[in-house]
Amino acid sequence: HVQLVESGGGSVQAGGSLRVSCAASGAIYRSYCLGWFRQPPGKQREGVATIDSGGSTSYFESVKGRLTISRDNAKNTLFLQMNSLKPDDTAVYYCAAGLGKYNFWGQGTQVTVS
């Protein structure tokens, strides 16, 4: 069983930066595919970025060039560096982990851009 805990959310002005983190506990973290998802107010959850066990990344089109996903396997931690933030980035951000599909989810952290 894997537990995920996000941190680092908050409020920032448009154009600013934030870094959210996701600390994982449990086994086999290194072999998992990891991802960040977000749910804007009144909208469905959407994918933001993913990173596989080999470090290959993919991004939702609207965040390319502004958000960067990374992982530190030694510390069992996933990161999302967010630069040039826009009001449309306002959402609850969730990290997720799994093999083939995302079985494990964090509780979410709020990011508000004004």
PDB file of N, CA and C in Angstrom:
ATOM      1  N   HIS A   1       0.854  -1.189   0.000  1.00  0.00           N
ATOM      2  CA  HIS A   1       0.000   0.000   0.000  1.00  0.00           C
ATOM      3  C   HIS A   1       0.886   1.232   0.000  1.00  0.00           C
ATOM      4  N   VAL A   2       0.552   2.214  -0.836  1.00  0.00           N
ATOM      5  CA  VAL A   2       1.316   3.454  -0.948  1.00  0.00           C
ATOM      6  C   VAL A   2       0.464   4.611  -0.445  1.00  0.00           C
ATOM      7  N   GLN A   3       1.033   5.418   0.405  1.00  0.00           N
ATOM      8  CA  GLN A   3       0.351   6.629   0.873  1.00  0.00           C
ATOM      9  C   GLN A   3       1.054   7.842   0.290  1.00  0.00           C
ATOM     10  N   LEU A   4       0.290   8.791  -0.180  1.00  0.00           N
ATOM     11  CA  LEU A   4       0.815  10.003  -0.816  1.00  0.00           C
ATOM     12  C   LEU A   4       0.303  11.225  -0.077  1.00  0.00           C
ATOM     13  N   VAL A   5       1.204  12.145   0.224  1.00  0.00           N
ATOM     14  CA  VAL A   5       0.828  13.366   0.944  1.00  0.00           C
ATOM     15  C   VAL A   5       1.405  14.574   0.217  1.00  0.00           C
ATOM     16  N   GLU A   6       0.513  15.421  -0.291  1.00  0.00           N
ATOM     17  CA  GLU A   6       0.948  16.626  -0.991  1.00  0.00           C
ATOM     18  C   GLU A   6       1.198  17.764  -0.006  1.00  0.00           C
ATOM     19  N   SER A   7       2.061  18.686  -0.417  1.00  0.00           N
ATOM     20  CA  SER A   7       2.312  19.890   0.355  1.00  0.00           C
ATOM     21  C   SER A   7       2.813  20.972  -0.581  1.00  0.00           C
ATOM     22  N   GLY A   8       2.822  22.202  -0.094  1.00  0.00           N
ATOM     23  CA  GLY A   8       3.407  23.298  -0.867  1.00  0.00           C
ATOM     24  C   GLY A   8       2.429  24.161  -1.622  1.00  0.00           C
ATOM     25  N   GLY A   9       1.154  23.849  -1.538  1.00  0.00           N
ATOM     26  CA  GLY A   9       0.175  24.691  -2.214  1.00  0.00           C
ATOM     27  C   GLY A   9       0.051  26.033  -1.514  1.00  0.00           C
ATOM     28  N   GLY A  10      -0.716  26.932  -2.109  1.00  0.00           N
ATOM     29  CA  GLY A  10      -0.924  28.237  -1.506  1.00  0.00           C
ATOM     30  C   GLY A  10      -1.465  29.215  -2.505  1.00  0.00           C
ATOM     31  N   SER A  11      -1.371  30.487  -2.160  1.00  0.00           N
ATOM     32  CA  SER A  11      -1.873  31.552  -3.022  1.00  0.00           C
ATOM     33  C   SER A  11      -0.706  32.333  -3.606  1.00  0.00           C
ATOM     34  N   VAL A  12      -0.828  32.693  -4.867  1.00  0.00           N
ATOM     35  CA  VAL A  12       0.239  33.419  -5.549  1.00  0.00           C
ATOM     36  C   VAL A  12      -0.389  34.322  -6.593  1.00  0.00           C
ATOM     37  N   GLN A  13       0.296  35.400  -6.906  1.00  0.00           N
ATOM     38  CA  GLN A  13      -0.191  36.279  -7.958  1.00  0.00           C
ATOM     39  C   GLN A  13       0.170  35.734  -9.324  1.00  0.00           C
ATOM     40  N   ALA A  14      -0.605  36.118 -10.314  1.00  0.00           N
ATOM     41  CA  ALA A  14      -0.328  35.699 -11.683  1.00  0.00           C
ATOM     42  C   ALA A  14       1.100  36.064 -12.073  1.00  0.00           C
ATOM     43  N   GLY A  15       1.760  35.125 -12.718  1.00  0.00           N
ATOM     44  CA  GLY A  15       3.156  35.308 -13.095  1.00  0.00           C
ATOM     45  C   GLY A  15       4.134  34.766 -12.079  1.00  0.00           C
ATOM     46  N   GLY A  16       3.631  34.409 -10.906  1.00  0.00           N
ATOM     47  CA  GLY A  16       4.485  33.898  -9.852  1.00  0.00           C
ATOM     48  C   GLY A  16       4.772  32.419  -9.976  1.00  0.00           C
ATOM     49  N   SER A  17       5.458  31.878  -8.969  1.00  0.00           N
ATOM     50  CA  SER A  17       5.877  30.471  -8.978  1.00  0.00           C
ATOM     51  C   SER A  17       5.516  29.793  -7.667  1.00  0.00           C
ATOM     52  N   LEU A  18       5.311  28.497  -7.755  1.00  0.00           N
ATOM     53  CA  LEU A  18       5.108  27.648  -6.591  1.00  0.00           C
ATOM     54  C   LEU A  18       5.706  26.286  -6.906  1.00  0.00           C
ATOM     55  N   ARG A  19       6.089  25.580  -5.871  1.00  0.00           N
ATOM     56  CA  ARG A  19       6.495  24.185  -6.047  1.00  0.00           C
ATOM     57  C   ARG A  19       5.681  23.348  -5.071  1.00  0.00           C
ATOM     58  N   VAL A  20       4.976  22.382  -5.611  1.00  0.00           N
ATOM     59  CA  VAL A  20       4.252  21.440  -4.772  1.00  0.00           C
ATOM     60  C   VAL A  20       5.002  20.123  -4.737  1.00  0.00           C
ATOM     61  N   SER A  21       4.909  19.459  -3.599  1.00  0.00           N
ATOM     62  CA  SER A  21       5.625  18.209  -3.385  1.00  0.00           C
ATOM     63  C   SER A  21       4.646  17.109  -3.009  1.00  0.00           C
ATOM     64  N   CYS A  22       5.077  15.888  -3.207  1.00  0.00           N
ATOM     65  CA  CYS A  22       4.258  14.737  -2.865  1.00  0.00           C
ATOM     66  C   CYS A  22       5.181  13.698  -2.255  1.00  0.00           C
ATOM     67  N   ALA A  23       5.032  13.487  -0.969  1.00  0.00           N
ATOM     68  CA  ALA A  23       5.852  12.511  -0.269  1.00  0.00           C
ATOM     69  C   ALA A  23       5.140  11.168  -0.245  1.00  0.00           C
ATOM     70  N   ALA A  24       5.875  10.132  -0.606  1.00  0.00           N
ATOM     71  CA  ALA A  24       5.284   8.800  -0.686  1.00  0.00           C
ATOM     72  C   ALA A  24       5.858   7.886   0.378  1.00  0.00           C
ATOM     73  N   SER A  25       5.011   7.088   0.941  1.00  0.00           N
ATOM     74  CA  SER A  25       5.467   6.045   1.856  1.00  0.00           C
ATOM     75  C   SER A  25       5.049   4.708   1.277  1.00  0.00           C
ATOM     76  N   GLY A  26       5.760   3.663   1.638  1.00  0.00           N
ATOM     77  CA  GLY A  26       5.421   2.374   1.107  1.00  0.00           C
ATOM     78  C   GLY A  26       6.470   1.878   0.129  1.00  0.00           C
ATOM     79  N   ALA A  27       6.242   0.667  -0.307  1.00  0.00           N
ATOM     80  CA  ALA A  27       7.255  -0.006  -1.118  1.00  0.00           C
ATOM     81  C   ALA A  27       7.091   0.278  -2.608  1.00  0.00           C
ATOM     82  N   ILE A  28       8.069  -0.135  -3.369  1.00  0.00           N
ATOM     83  CA  ILE A  28       8.114  -0.152  -4.838  1.00  0.00           C
ATOM     84  C   ILE A  28       7.786   1.193  -5.476  1.00  0.00           C
ATOM     85  N   TYR A  29       8.120   2.264  -4.789  1.00  0.00           N
ATOM     86  CA  TYR A  29       7.863   3.592  -5.332  1.00  0.00           C
ATOM     87  C   TYR A  29       8.631   3.803  -6.634  1.00  0.00           C
ATOM     88  N   ARG A  30       9.875   3.274  -6.669  1.00  0.00           N
ATOM     89  CA  ARG A  30      10.736   3.566  -7.811  1.00  0.00           C
ATOM     90  C   ARG A  30      10.199   3.007  -9.115  1.00  0.00           C
ATOM     91  N   SER A  31       9.427   1.946  -9.059  1.00  0.00           N
ATOM     92  CA  SER A  31       8.932   1.332 -10.286  1.00  0.00           C
ATOM     93  C   SER A  31       7.596   1.925 -10.732  1.00  0.00           C
ATOM     94  N   TYR A  32       7.044   2.804  -9.941  1.00  0.00           N
ATOM     95  CA  TYR A  32       5.725   3.342 -10.245  1.00  0.00           C
ATOM     96  C   TYR A  32       5.795   4.489 -11.238  1.00  0.00           C
ATOM     97  N   CYS A  33       4.745   4.599 -12.028  1.00  0.00           N
ATOM     98  CA  CYS A  33       4.507   5.809 -12.800  1.00  0.00           C
ATOM     99  C   CYS A  33       3.833   6.815 -11.871  1.00  0.00           C
ATOM    100  N   LEU A  34       4.261   8.042 -11.934  1.00  0.00           N
ATOM    101  CA  LEU A  34       3.744   9.079 -11.051  1.00  0.00           C
ATOM    102  C   LEU A  34       3.130  10.199 -11.874  1.00  0.00           C
ATOM    103  N   GLY A  35       2.140  10.840 -11.306  1.00  0.00           N
ATOM    104  CA  GLY A  35       1.502  11.914 -12.048  1.00  0.00           C
ATOM    105  C   GLY A  35       0.935  12.995 -11.149  1.00  0.00           C
ATOM    106  N   TRP A  36       0.762  14.154 -11.745  1.00  0.00           N
ATOM    107  CA  TRP A  36       0.046  15.253 -11.116  1.00  0.00           C
ATOM    108  C   TRP A  36      -1.239  15.489 -11.897  1.00  0.00           C
ATOM    109  N   PHE A  37      -2.307  15.655 -11.154  1.00  0.00           N
ATOM    110  CA  PHE A  37      -3.613  15.966 -11.715  1.00  0.00           C
ATOM    111  C   PHE A  37      -4.155  17.186 -10.975  1.00  0.00           C
ATOM    112  N   ARG A  38      -5.161  17.822 -11.562  1.00  0.00           N
ATOM    113  CA  ARG A  38      -5.755  18.964 -10.875  1.00  0.00           C
ATOM    114  C   ARG A  38      -7.247  19.031 -11.155  1.00  0.00           C
ATOM    115  N   GLN A  39      -7.967  19.623 -10.231  1.00  0.00           N
ATOM    116  CA  GLN A  39      -9.402  19.818 -10.406  1.00  0.00           C
ATOM    117  C   GLN A  39      -9.720  21.281 -10.172  1.00  0.00           C
ATOM    118  N   PRO A  40      -9.943  22.037 -11.258  1.00  0.00           N
ATOM    119  CA  PRO A  40     -10.319  23.442 -11.115  1.00  0.00           C
ATOM    120  C   PRO A  40     -11.713  23.557 -10.502  1.00  0.00           C
ATOM    121  N   PRO A  41     -12.047  24.669  -9.892  1.00  0.00           N
ATOM    122  CA  PRO A  41     -13.363  24.808  -9.269  1.00  0.00           C
ATOM    123  C   PRO A  41     -14.474  24.635 -10.287  1.00  0.00           C
ATOM    124  N   GLY A  42     -15.423  23.760  -9.978  1.00  0.00           N
ATOM    125  CA  GLY A  42     -16.568  23.521 -10.833  1.00  0.00           C
ATOM    126  C   GLY A  42     -16.282  22.697 -12.070  1.00  0.00           C
ATOM    127  N   LYS A  43     -15.073  22.130 -12.174  1.00  0.00           N
ATOM    128  CA  LYS A  43     -14.708  21.353 -13.354  1.00  0.00           C
ATOM    129  C   LYS A  43     -14.257  19.956 -12.969  1.00  0.00           C
ATOM    130  N   GLN A  44     -14.115  19.115 -13.982  1.00  0.00           N
ATOM    131  CA  GLN A  44     -13.653  17.755 -13.728  1.00  0.00           C
ATOM    132  C   GLN A  44     -12.133  17.734 -13.553  1.00  0.00           C
ATOM    133  N   ARG A  45     -11.662  16.686 -12.913  1.00  0.00           N
ATOM    134  CA  ARG A  45     -10.228  16.521 -12.743  1.00  0.00           C
ATOM    135  C   ARG A  45      -9.559  16.282 -14.093  1.00  0.00           C
ATOM    136  N   GLU A  46      -8.384  16.842 -14.268  1.00  0.00           N
ATOM    137  CA  GLU A  46      -7.648  16.709 -15.517  1.00  0.00           C
ATOM    138  C   GLU A  46      -6.187  16.388 -15.235  1.00  0.00           C
ATOM    139  N   GLY A  47      -5.562  15.768 -16.205  1.00  0.00           N
ATOM    140  CA  GLY A  47      -4.151  15.465 -16.063  1.00  0.00           C
ATOM    141  C   GLY A  47      -3.294  16.698 -16.245  1.00  0.00           C
ATOM    142  N   VAL A  48      -2.160  16.741 -15.563  1.00  0.00           N
ATOM    143  CA  VAL A  48      -1.230  17.860 -15.684  1.00  0.00           C
ATOM    144  C   VAL A  48       0.097  17.372 -16.252  1.00  0.00           C
ATOM    145  N   ALA A  49       0.684  16.366 -15.602  1.00  0.00           N
ATOM    146  CA  ALA A  49       1.989  15.872 -16.037  1.00  0.00           C
ATOM    147  C   ALA A  49       2.205  14.494 -15.459  1.00  0.00           C
ATOM    148  N   THR A  50       2.993  13.694 -16.167  1.00  0.00           N
ATOM    149  CA  THR A  50       3.333  12.362 -15.680  1.00  0.00           C
ATOM    150  C   THR A  50       4.823  12.124 -15.841  1.00  0.00           C
ATOM    151  N   ILE A  51       5.342  11.209 -15.047  1.00  0.00           N
ATOM    152  CA  ILE A  51       6.746  10.811 -15.148  1.00  0.00           C
ATOM    153  C   ILE A  51       6.822   9.319 -14.862  1.00  0.00           C
ATOM    154  N   ASP A  52       7.485   8.583 -15.752  1.00  0.00           N
ATOM    155  CA  ASP A  52       7.549   7.134 -15.535  1.00  0.00           C
ATOM    156  C   ASP A  52       8.791   6.764 -14.741  1.00  0.00           C
ATOM    157  N   SER A  53       8.975   5.462 -14.534  1.00  0.00           N
ATOM    158  CA  SER A  53      10.075   5.006 -13.693  1.00  0.00           C
ATOM    159  C   SER A  53      11.435   5.334 -14.300  1.00  0.00           C
ATOM    160  N   GLY A  54      11.470   5.514 -15.634  1.00  0.00           N
ATOM    161  CA  GLY A  54      12.730   5.849 -16.294  1.00  0.00           C
ATOM    162  C   GLY A  54      12.989   7.334 -16.384  1.00  0.00           C
ATOM    163  N   GLY A  55      12.033   8.126 -15.909  1.00  0.00           N
ATOM    164  CA  GLY A  55      12.202   9.575 -15.931  1.00  0.00           C
ATOM    165  C   GLY A  55      11.597  10.270 -17.129  1.00  0.00           C
ATOM    166  N   SER A  56      10.960   9.537 -18.024  1.00  0.00           N
ATOM    167  CA  SER A  56      10.317  10.170 -19.174  1.00  0.00           C
ATOM    168  C   SER A  56       9.070  10.910 -18.721  1.00  0.00           C
ATOM    169  N   THR A  57       8.877  12.107 -19.278  1.00  0.00           N
ATOM    170  CA  THR A  57       7.780  12.960 -18.840  1.00  0.00           C
ATOM    171  C   THR A  57       6.814  13.272 -19.980  1.00  0.00           C
ATOM    172  N   SER A  58       5.605  13.619 -19.597  1.00  0.00           N
ATOM    173  CA  SER A  58       4.617  14.113 -20.555  1.00  0.00           C
ATOM    174  C   SER A  58       3.798  15.185 -19.849  1.00  0.00           C
ATOM    175  N   TYR A  59       3.262  16.126 -20.636  1.00  0.00           N
ATOM    176  CA  TYR A  59       2.572  17.272 -20.064  1.00  0.00           C
ATOM    177  C   TYR A  59       1.265  17.563 -20.786  1.00  0.00           C
ATOM    178  N   PHE A  60       0.285  18.032 -20.032  1.00  0.00           N
ATOM    179  CA  PHE A  60      -0.931  18.585 -20.575  1.00  0.00           C
ATOM    180  C   PHE A  60      -0.545  19.815 -21.399  1.00  0.00           C
ATOM    181  N   GLU A  61      -1.166  19.966 -22.557  1.00  0.00           N
ATOM    182  CA  GLU A  61      -0.733  20.992 -23.502  1.00  0.00           C
ATOM    183  C   GLU A  61      -0.655  22.382 -22.883  1.00  0.00           C
ATOM    184  N   SER A  62      -1.630  22.731 -22.068  1.00  0.00           N
ATOM    185  CA  SER A  62      -1.714  24.105 -21.556  1.00  0.00           C
ATOM    186  C   SER A  62      -0.642  24.450 -20.525  1.00  0.00           C
ATOM    187  N   VAL A  63       0.092  23.426 -20.044  1.00  0.00           N
ATOM    188  CA  VAL A  63       1.112  23.711 -19.021  1.00  0.00           C
ATOM    189  C   VAL A  63       2.528  23.548 -19.558  1.00  0.00           C
ATOM    190  N   LYS A  64       2.655  23.098 -20.796  1.00  0.00           N
ATOM    191  CA  LYS A  64       3.991  22.880 -21.360  1.00  0.00           C
ATOM    192  C   LYS A  64       4.808  24.166 -21.320  1.00  0.00           C
ATOM    193  N   GLY A  65       6.040  24.033 -20.878  1.00  0.00           N
ATOM    194  CA  GLY A  65       6.932  25.179 -20.811  1.00  0.00           C
ATOM    195  C   GLY A  65       6.810  25.983 -19.533  1.00  0.00           C
ATOM    196  N   ARG A  66       5.776  25.704 -18.725  1.00  0.00           N
ATOM    197  CA  ARG A  66       5.588  26.460 -17.479  1.00  0.00           C
ATOM    198  C   ARG A  66       5.690  25.561 -16.248  1.00  0.00           C
ATOM    199  N   LEU A  67       5.218  24.339 -16.358  1.00  0.00           N
ATOM    200  CA  LEU A  67       5.246  23.410 -15.232  1.00  0.00           C
ATOM    201  C   LEU A  67       6.221  22.279 -15.529  1.00  0.00           C
ATOM    202  N   THR A  68       6.948  21.862 -14.510  1.00  0.00           N
ATOM    203  CA  THR A  68       7.946  20.811 -14.658  1.00  0.00           C
ATOM    204  C   THR A  68       7.761  19.767 -13.572  1.00  0.00           C
ATOM    205  N   ILE A  69       7.599  18.514 -14.000  1.00  0.00           N
ATOM    206  CA  ILE A  69       7.479  17.409 -13.062  1.00  0.00           C
ATOM    207  C   ILE A  69       8.836  16.756 -12.883  1.00  0.00           C
ATOM    208  N   SER A  70       9.129  16.333 -11.657  1.00  0.00           N
ATOM    209  CA  SER A  70      10.384  15.632 -11.389  1.00  0.00           C
ATOM    210  C   SER A  70      10.171  14.702 -10.204  1.00  0.00           C
ATOM    211  N   ARG A  71      11.070  13.769 -10.053  1.00  0.00           N
ATOM    212  CA  ARG A  71      10.965  12.820  -8.948  1.00  0.00           C
ATOM    213  C   ARG A  71      12.340  12.609  -8.332  1.00  0.00           C
ATOM    214  N   ASP A  72      12.356  12.406  -7.032  1.00  0.00           N
ATOM    215  CA  ASP A  72      13.570  12.056  -6.307  1.00  0.00           C
ATOM    216  C   ASP A  72      13.317  10.691  -5.688  1.00  0.00           C
ATOM    217  N   ASN A  73      13.799   9.656  -6.352  1.00  0.00           N
ATOM    218  CA  ASN A  73      13.533   8.299  -5.878  1.00  0.00           C
ATOM    219  C   ASN A  73      14.194   8.023  -4.538  1.00  0.00           C
ATOM    220  N   ALA A  74      15.310   8.639  -4.274  1.00  0.00           N
ATOM    221  CA  ALA A  74      16.011   8.410  -3.003  1.00  0.00           C
ATOM    222  C   ALA A  74      15.187   8.927  -1.823  1.00  0.00           C
ATOM    223  N   LYS A  75      14.384   9.967  -2.096  1.00  0.00           N
ATOM    224  CA  LYS A  75      13.576  10.559  -1.032  1.00  0.00           C
ATOM    225  C   LYS A  75      12.099  10.226  -1.184  1.00  0.00           C
ATOM    226  N   ASN A  76      11.786   9.369  -2.156  1.00  0.00           N
ATOM    227  CA  ASN A  76      10.375   9.007  -2.383  1.00  0.00           C
ATOM    228  C   ASN A  76       9.482  10.242  -2.513  1.00  0.00           C
ATOM    229  N   THR A  77       9.940  11.194  -3.279  1.00  0.00           N
ATOM    230  CA  THR A  77       9.212  12.450  -3.392  1.00  0.00           C
ATOM    231  C   THR A  77       9.032  12.849  -4.851  1.00  0.00           C
ATOM    232  N   LEU A  78       7.848  13.334  -5.141  1.00  0.00           N
ATOM    233  CA  LEU A  78       7.491  13.845  -6.466  1.00  0.00           C
ATOM    234  C   LEU A  78       7.307  15.353  -6.357  1.00  0.00           C
ATOM    235  N   PHE A  79       7.736  16.066  -7.388  1.00  0.00           N
ATOM    236  CA  PHE A  79       7.642  17.519  -7.364  1.00  0.00           C
ATOM    237  C   PHE A  79       6.907  18.034  -8.603  1.00  0.00           C
ATOM    238  N   LEU A  80       6.326  19.202  -8.443  1.00  0.00           N
ATOM    239  CA  LEU A  80       5.787  19.932  -9.592  1.00  0.00           C
ATOM    240  C   LEU A  80       6.185  21.395  -9.411  1.00  0.00           C
ATOM    241  N   GLN A  81       7.136  21.821 -10.225  1.00  0.00           N
ATOM    242  CA  GLN A  81       7.561  23.220 -10.214  1.00  0.00           C
ATOM    243  C   GLN A  81       6.651  23.981 -11.174  1.00  0.00           C
ATOM    244  N   MET A  82       6.018  25.028 -10.660  1.00  0.00           N
ATOM    245  CA  MET A  82       5.059  25.785 -11.457  1.00  0.00           C
ATOM    246  C   MET A  82       5.530  27.230 -11.590  1.00  0.00           C
ATOM    247  N   ASN A  83       5.811  27.629 -12.803  1.00  0.00           N
ATOM    248  CA  ASN A  83       6.258  28.990 -13.098  1.00  0.00           C
ATOM    249  C   ASN A  83       5.250  29.682 -14.004  1.00  0.00           C
ATOM    250  N   SER A  84       5.333  31.004 -14.052  1.00  0.00           N
ATOM    251  CA  SER A  84       4.445  31.800 -14.911  1.00  0.00           C
ATOM    252  C   SER A  84       2.986  31.400 -14.710  1.00  0.00           C
ATOM    253  N   LEU A  85       2.594  31.310 -13.469  1.00  0.00           N
ATOM    254  CA  LEU A  85       1.258  30.830 -13.154  1.00  0.00           C
ATOM    255  C   LEU A  85       0.181  31.787 -13.639  1.00  0.00           C
ATOM    256  N   LYS A  86      -0.947  31.204 -14.038  1.00  0.00           N
ATOM    257  CA  LYS A  86      -2.085  31.956 -14.544  1.00  0.00           C
ATOM    258  C   LYS A  86      -3.301  31.682 -13.666  1.00  0.00           C
ATOM    259  N   PRO A  87      -4.283  32.561 -13.652  1.00  0.00           N
ATOM    260  CA  PRO A  87      -5.503  32.290 -12.885  1.00  0.00           C
ATOM    261  C   PRO A  87      -6.150  30.953 -13.270  1.00  0.00           C
ATOM    262  N   ASP A  88      -6.023  30.546 -14.533  1.00  0.00           N
ATOM    263  CA  ASP A  88      -6.593  29.265 -14.962  1.00  0.00           C
ATOM    264  C   ASP A  88      -5.898  28.063 -14.327  1.00  0.00           C
ATOM    265  N   ASP A  89      -4.758  28.284 -13.690  1.00  0.00           N
ATOM    266  CA  ASP A  89      -4.077  27.192 -13.002  1.00  0.00           C
ATOM    267  C   ASP A  89      -4.656  26.947 -11.611  1.00  0.00           C
ATOM    268  N   THR A  90      -5.573  27.803 -11.177  1.00  0.00           N
ATOM    269  CA  THR A  90      -6.207  27.622  -9.878  1.00  0.00           C
ATOM    270  C   THR A  90      -6.947  26.288  -9.834  1.00  0.00           C
ATOM    271  N   ALA A  91      -6.611  25.472  -8.828  1.00  0.00           N
ATOM    272  CA  ALA A  91      -7.191  24.131  -8.733  1.00  0.00           C
ATOM    273  C   ALA A  91      -6.685  23.447  -7.475  1.00  0.00           C
ATOM    274  N   VAL A  92      -7.300  22.323  -7.158  1.00  0.00           N
ATOM    275  CA  VAL A  92      -6.723  21.409  -6.179  1.00  0.00           C
ATOM    276  C   VAL A  92      -5.815  20.459  -6.960  1.00  0.00           C
ATOM    277  N   TYR A  93      -4.576  20.369  -6.540  1.00  0.00           N
ATOM    278  CA  TYR A  93      -3.594  19.537  -7.231  1.00  0.00           C
ATOM    279  C   TYR A  93      -3.404  18.237  -6.459  1.00  0.00           C
ATOM    280  N   TYR A  94      -3.485  17.132  -7.202  1.00  0.00           N
ATOM    281  CA  TYR A  94      -3.356  15.800  -6.630  1.00  0.00           C
ATOM    282  C   TYR A  94      -2.170  15.075  -7.246  1.00  0.00           C
ATOM    283  N   CYS A  95      -1.450  14.326  -6.441  1.00  0.00           N
ATOM    284  CA  CYS A  95      -0.459  13.420  -6.998  1.00  0.00           C
ATOM    285  C   CYS A  95      -1.045  12.011  -6.989  1.00  0.00           C
ATOM    286  N   ALA A  96      -0.536  11.189  -7.884  1.00  0.00           N
ATOM    287  CA  ALA A  96      -1.038   9.831  -8.024  1.00  0.00           C
ATOM    288  C   ALA A  96       0.106   8.912  -8.408  1.00  0.00           C
ATOM    289  N   ALA A  97      -0.042   7.633  -8.070  1.00  0.00           N
ATOM    290  CA  ALA A  97       0.991   6.647  -8.370  1.00  0.00           C
ATOM    291  C   ALA A  97       0.346   5.333  -8.754  1.00  0.00           C
ATOM    292  N   GLY A  98       1.035   4.581  -9.593  1.00  0.00           N
ATOM    293  CA  GLY A  98       0.507   3.278  -9.950  1.00  0.00           C
ATOM    294  C   GLY A  98       1.340   2.580 -10.995  1.00  0.00           C
ATOM    295  N   LEU A  99       0.942   1.355 -11.287  1.00  0.00           N
ATOM    296  CA  LEU A  99       1.539   0.545 -12.338  1.00  0.00           C
ATOM    297  C   LEU A  99       0.458   0.279 -13.373  1.00  0.00           C
ATOM    298  N   GLY A 100       0.573   0.897 -14.516  1.00  0.00           N
ATOM    299  CA  GLY A 100      -0.455   0.723 -15.540  1.00  0.00           C
ATOM    300  C   GLY A 100      -1.615   1.680 -15.381  1.00  0.00           C
ATOM    301  N   LYS A 101      -2.101   1.821 -14.186  1.00  0.00           N
ATOM    302  CA  LYS A 101      -3.121   2.819 -13.892  1.00  0.00           C
ATOM    303  C   LYS A 101      -2.830   3.400 -12.511  1.00  0.00           C
ATOM    304  N   TYR A 102      -3.452   4.553 -12.233  1.00  0.00           N
ATOM    305  CA  TYR A 102      -3.167   5.228 -10.967  1.00  0.00           C
ATOM    306  C   TYR A 102      -4.067   4.679  -9.865  1.00  0.00           C
ATOM    307  N   ASN A 103      -3.467   3.847  -9.006  1.00  0.00           N
ATOM    308  CA  ASN A 103      -4.216   3.209  -7.942  1.00  0.00           C
ATOM    309  C   ASN A 103      -4.228   4.017  -6.651  1.00  0.00           C
ATOM    310  N   PHE A 104      -3.208   4.853  -6.481  1.00  0.00           N
ATOM    311  CA  PHE A 104      -3.023   5.557  -5.226  1.00  0.00           C
ATOM    312  C   PHE A 104      -3.052   7.063  -5.464  1.00  0.00           C
ATOM    313  N   TRP A 105      -3.778   7.754  -4.583  1.00  0.00           N
ATOM    314  CA  TRP A 105      -3.962   9.187  -4.724  1.00  0.00           C
ATOM    315  C   TRP A 105      -3.715   9.903  -3.403  1.00  0.00           C
ATOM    316  N   GLY A 106      -3.178  11.126  -3.508  1.00  0.00           N
ATOM    317  CA  GLY A 106      -3.060  11.960  -2.329  1.00  0.00           C
ATOM    318  C   GLY A 106      -4.363  12.683  -2.047  1.00  0.00           C
ATOM    319  N   GLN A 107      -4.357  13.470  -0.987  1.00  0.00           N
ATOM    320  CA  GLN A 107      -5.577  14.164  -0.562  1.00  0.00           C
ATOM    321  C   GLN A 107      -5.761  15.500  -1.274  1.00  0.00           C
ATOM    322  N   GLY A 108      -4.712  15.973  -1.931  1.00  0.00           N
ATOM    323  CA  GLY A 108      -4.808  17.217  -2.692  1.00  0.00           C
ATOM    324  C   GLY A 108      -4.285  18.414  -1.927  1.00  0.00           C
ATOM    325  N   THR A 109      -3.798  19.398  -2.680  1.00  0.00           N
ATOM    326  CA  THR A 109      -3.349  20.655  -2.097  1.00  0.00           C
ATOM    327  C   THR A 109      -3.863  21.796  -2.983  1.00  0.00           C
ATOM    328  N   GLN A 110      -4.376  22.843  -2.353  1.00  0.00           N
ATOM    329  CA  GLN A 110      -4.996  23.928  -3.088  1.00  0.00           C
ATOM    330  C   GLN A 110      -3.941  24.908  -3.611  1.00  0.00           C
ATOM    331  N   VAL A 111      -4.054  25.242  -4.883  1.00  0.00           N
ATOM    332  CA  VAL A 111      -3.238  26.293  -5.494  1.00  0.00           C
ATOM    333  C   VAL A 111      -4.192  27.352  -6.030  1.00  0.00           C
ATOM    334  N   THR A 112      -4.006  28.589  -5.595  1.00  0.00           N
ATOM    335  CA  THR A 112      -4.857  29.688  -6.032  1.00  0.00           C
ATOM    336  C   THR A 112      -4.003  30.781  -6.662  1.00  0.00           C
ATOM    337  N   VAL A 113      -4.334  31.137  -7.885  1.00  0.00           N
ATOM    338  CA  VAL A 113      -3.595  32.165  -8.613  1.00  0.00           C
ATOM    339  C   VAL A 113      -4.542  33.332  -8.875  1.00  0.00           C
ATOM    340  N   SER A 114      -4.167  34.499  -8.419  1.00  0.00           N
ATOM    341  CA  SER A 114      -5.047  35.667  -8.592  1.00  0.00           C
ATOM    342  C   SER A 114      -4.364  36.777  -9.389  1.00  0.00           C
TER     343      SER A 114
END
